[in-house]
C-alpha atoms as a PDB file:
ATOM      1  CA  MET A   1      -5.347   3.850   9.185  1.00  0.00           C
ATOM      2  CA  ILE A   2      -3.415   1.144   7.240  1.00  0.00           C
ATOM      3  CA  LYS A   3      -2.552  -2.130   8.826  1.00  0.00           C
ATOM      4  CA  PRO A   4       1.012  -3.325   8.132  1.00  0.00           C
ATOM      5  CA  GLY A   5       0.987  -6.471   6.026  1.00  0.00           C
ATOM      6  CA  VAL A   6       0.820  -7.697   2.402  1.00  0.00           C
ATOM      7  CA  TYR A   7      -1.594  -5.928  -0.089  1.00  0.00           C
ATOM      8  CA  VAL A   8      -2.483  -6.901  -3.542  1.00  0.00           C
ATOM      9  CA  HIS A   9      -2.897  -4.272  -6.212  1.00  0.00           C
ATOM     10  CA  PHE A  10      -5.926  -4.667  -8.487  1.00  0.00           C
ATOM     11  CA  LYS A  11      -3.601  -5.613 -11.367  1.00  0.00           C
ATOM     12  CA  GLY A  12      -2.018  -8.487  -9.252  1.00  0.00           C
ATOM     13  CA  GLY A  13       1.295  -7.119  -7.823  1.00  0.00           C
ATOM     14  CA  ARG A  14       1.895  -7.703  -4.105  1.00  0.00           C
ATOM     15  CA  TYR A  15       3.366  -5.148  -1.774  1.00  0.00           C
ATOM     16  CA  ASN A  16       4.763  -5.337   1.807  1.00  0.00           C
ATOM     17  CA  VAL A  17       3.240  -2.354   3.541  1.00  0.00           C
ATOM     18  CA  LEU A  18       5.276  -1.050   6.597  1.00  0.00           C
ATOM     19  CA  GLY A  19       2.603   1.564   7.672  1.00  0.00           C
ATOM     20  CA  THR A  20       2.141   5.212   7.218  1.00  0.00           C
ATOM     21  CA  ALA A  21       4.224   8.383   7.563  1.00  0.00           C
ATOM     22  CA  VAL A  22       3.249  12.101   7.765  1.00  0.00           C
ATOM     23  CA  HIS A  23       5.256  14.418   5.517  1.00  0.00           C
ATOM     24  CA  ARG A  24       6.598  17.014   7.882  1.00  0.00           C
ATOM     25  CA  ASP A  25       6.180  19.961   5.468  1.00  0.00           C
ATOM     26  CA  SER A  26       2.820  19.317   3.850  1.00  0.00           C
ATOM     27  CA  GLY A  27       1.098  17.049   6.475  1.00  0.00           C
ATOM     28  CA  ARG A  28       0.172  14.575   3.763  1.00  0.00           C
ATOM     29  CA  VAL A  29      -0.104  11.008   4.924  1.00  0.00           C
ATOM     30  CA  ASP A  30       1.689   8.428   2.938  1.00  0.00           C
ATOM     31  CA  VAL A  31       1.641   4.580   2.828  1.00  0.00           C
ATOM     32  CA  ILE A  32       5.221   3.170   3.001  1.00  0.00           C
ATOM     33  CA  TYR A  33       5.824  -0.068   1.072  1.00  0.00           C
ATOM     34  CA  HIS A  34       8.049  -2.085  -1.132  1.00  0.00           C
ATOM     35  CA  LYS A  35       7.270  -4.374  -3.999  1.00  0.00           C
ATOM     36  CA  LEU A  36       7.315  -8.154  -3.490  1.00  0.00           C
ATOM     37  CA  TYR A  37       7.359  -9.003  -7.087  1.00  0.00           C
ATOM     38  CA  SER A  38      10.778  -7.316  -7.890  1.00  0.00           C
ATOM     39  CA  GLU A  39      14.363  -7.688  -6.765  1.00  0.00           C
ATOM     40  CA  ASP A  40      14.335  -4.004  -5.931  1.00  0.00           C
ATOM     41  CA  ARG A  41      13.268  -3.838  -2.214  1.00  0.00           C
ATOM     42  CA  SER A  42      13.652  -0.162  -1.807  1.00  0.00           C
ATOM     43  CA  TRP A  43      11.007   1.492   0.230  1.00  0.00           C
ATOM     44  CA  GLU A  44       8.549   3.636  -1.614  1.00  0.00           C
ATOM     45  CA  SER A  45       5.566   5.897  -0.620  1.00  0.00           C
ATOM     46  CA  LYS A  46       2.183   6.686  -2.064  1.00  0.00           C
ATOM     47  CA  PRO A  47      -0.463   9.143  -0.662  1.00  0.00           C
ATOM     48  CA  LEU A  48      -2.956   7.365   1.519  1.00  0.00           C
ATOM     49  CA  SER A  49      -5.791   8.852  -0.329  1.00  0.00           C
ATOM     50  CA  GLU A  50      -4.537   7.127  -3.601  1.00  0.00           C
ATOM     51  CA  PHE A  51      -3.711   3.815  -1.839  1.00  0.00           C
ATOM     52  CA  THR A  52      -7.182   3.512  -0.317  1.00  0.00           C
ATOM     53  CA  GLU A  53      -9.287   4.780  -3.194  1.00  0.00           C
ATOM     54  CA  THR A  54     -11.937   2.810  -5.185  1.00  0.00           C
ATOM     55  CA  ILE A  55     -11.270   2.614  -8.842  1.00  0.00           C
ATOM     56  CA  THR A  56     -13.085   1.632 -12.053  1.00  0.00           C
ATOM     57  CA  ARG A  57     -11.052   0.044 -14.768  1.00  0.00           C
ATOM     58  CA  GLY A  58     -12.983  -1.729 -17.481  1.00  0.00           C
ATOM     59  CA  ASP A  59     -15.139  -4.352 -15.793  1.00  0.00           C
ATOM     60  CA  TYR A  60     -13.451  -3.893 -12.398  1.00  0.00           C
ATOM     61  CA  THR A  61     -14.688  -1.635  -9.603  1.00  0.00           C
ATOM     62  CA  GLY A  62     -13.066  -1.925  -6.253  1.00  0.00           C
ATOM     63  CA  PRO A  63     -10.200  -1.011  -4.038  1.00  0.00           C
ATOM     64  CA  ARG A  64      -6.916  -0.172  -5.757  1.00  0.00           C
ATOM     65  CA  TYR A  65      -5.180  -2.268  -3.085  1.00  0.00           C
ATOM     66  CA  ARG A  66      -6.734  -4.953  -0.833  1.00  0.00           C
ATOM     67  CA  LEU A  67      -5.157  -6.530   2.300  1.00  0.00           C
ATOM     68  CA  GLU A  68      -4.072 -10.114   1.772  1.00  0.00           C
ATOM     69  CA  TRP A  69      -2.879 -10.568   5.231  1.00  0.00           C
ATOM     70  CA  ALA A  70      -2.034  -8.386   8.266  1.00  0.00           C
ATOM     71  CA  ASN A  71       1.251  -8.382   9.951  1.00  0.00           C
ATOM     72  CA  THR A  72       0.419  -8.411  13.660  1.00  0.00           C
ATOM     73  CA  ASP A  73       3.990  -8.915  14.777  1.00  0.00           C
ATOM     74  CA  GLY A  74       5.210  -5.486  13.552  1.00  0.00           C
ATOM     75  CA  PRO A  75       7.630  -4.478  10.808  1.00  0.00           C
ATOM     76  CA  LYS A  76      10.143  -7.084   9.536  1.00  0.00           C
END
């Protein structure tokens, strides 16, 4: 699915991704992350389908988030 690590949003923001979680009622798979560019380090979630989608904005077509580096040591 999604490797834990640091991802970069197509607009430039960096995110620490913990991994994924399944919503127990809906079965939806979410990516669990927090922003690295903000003082607020609370964990947030976004649907996996949105996190991994390819988007087109102006002259850019590509992934919404791309892996900058994988965390092979597990969550911090």
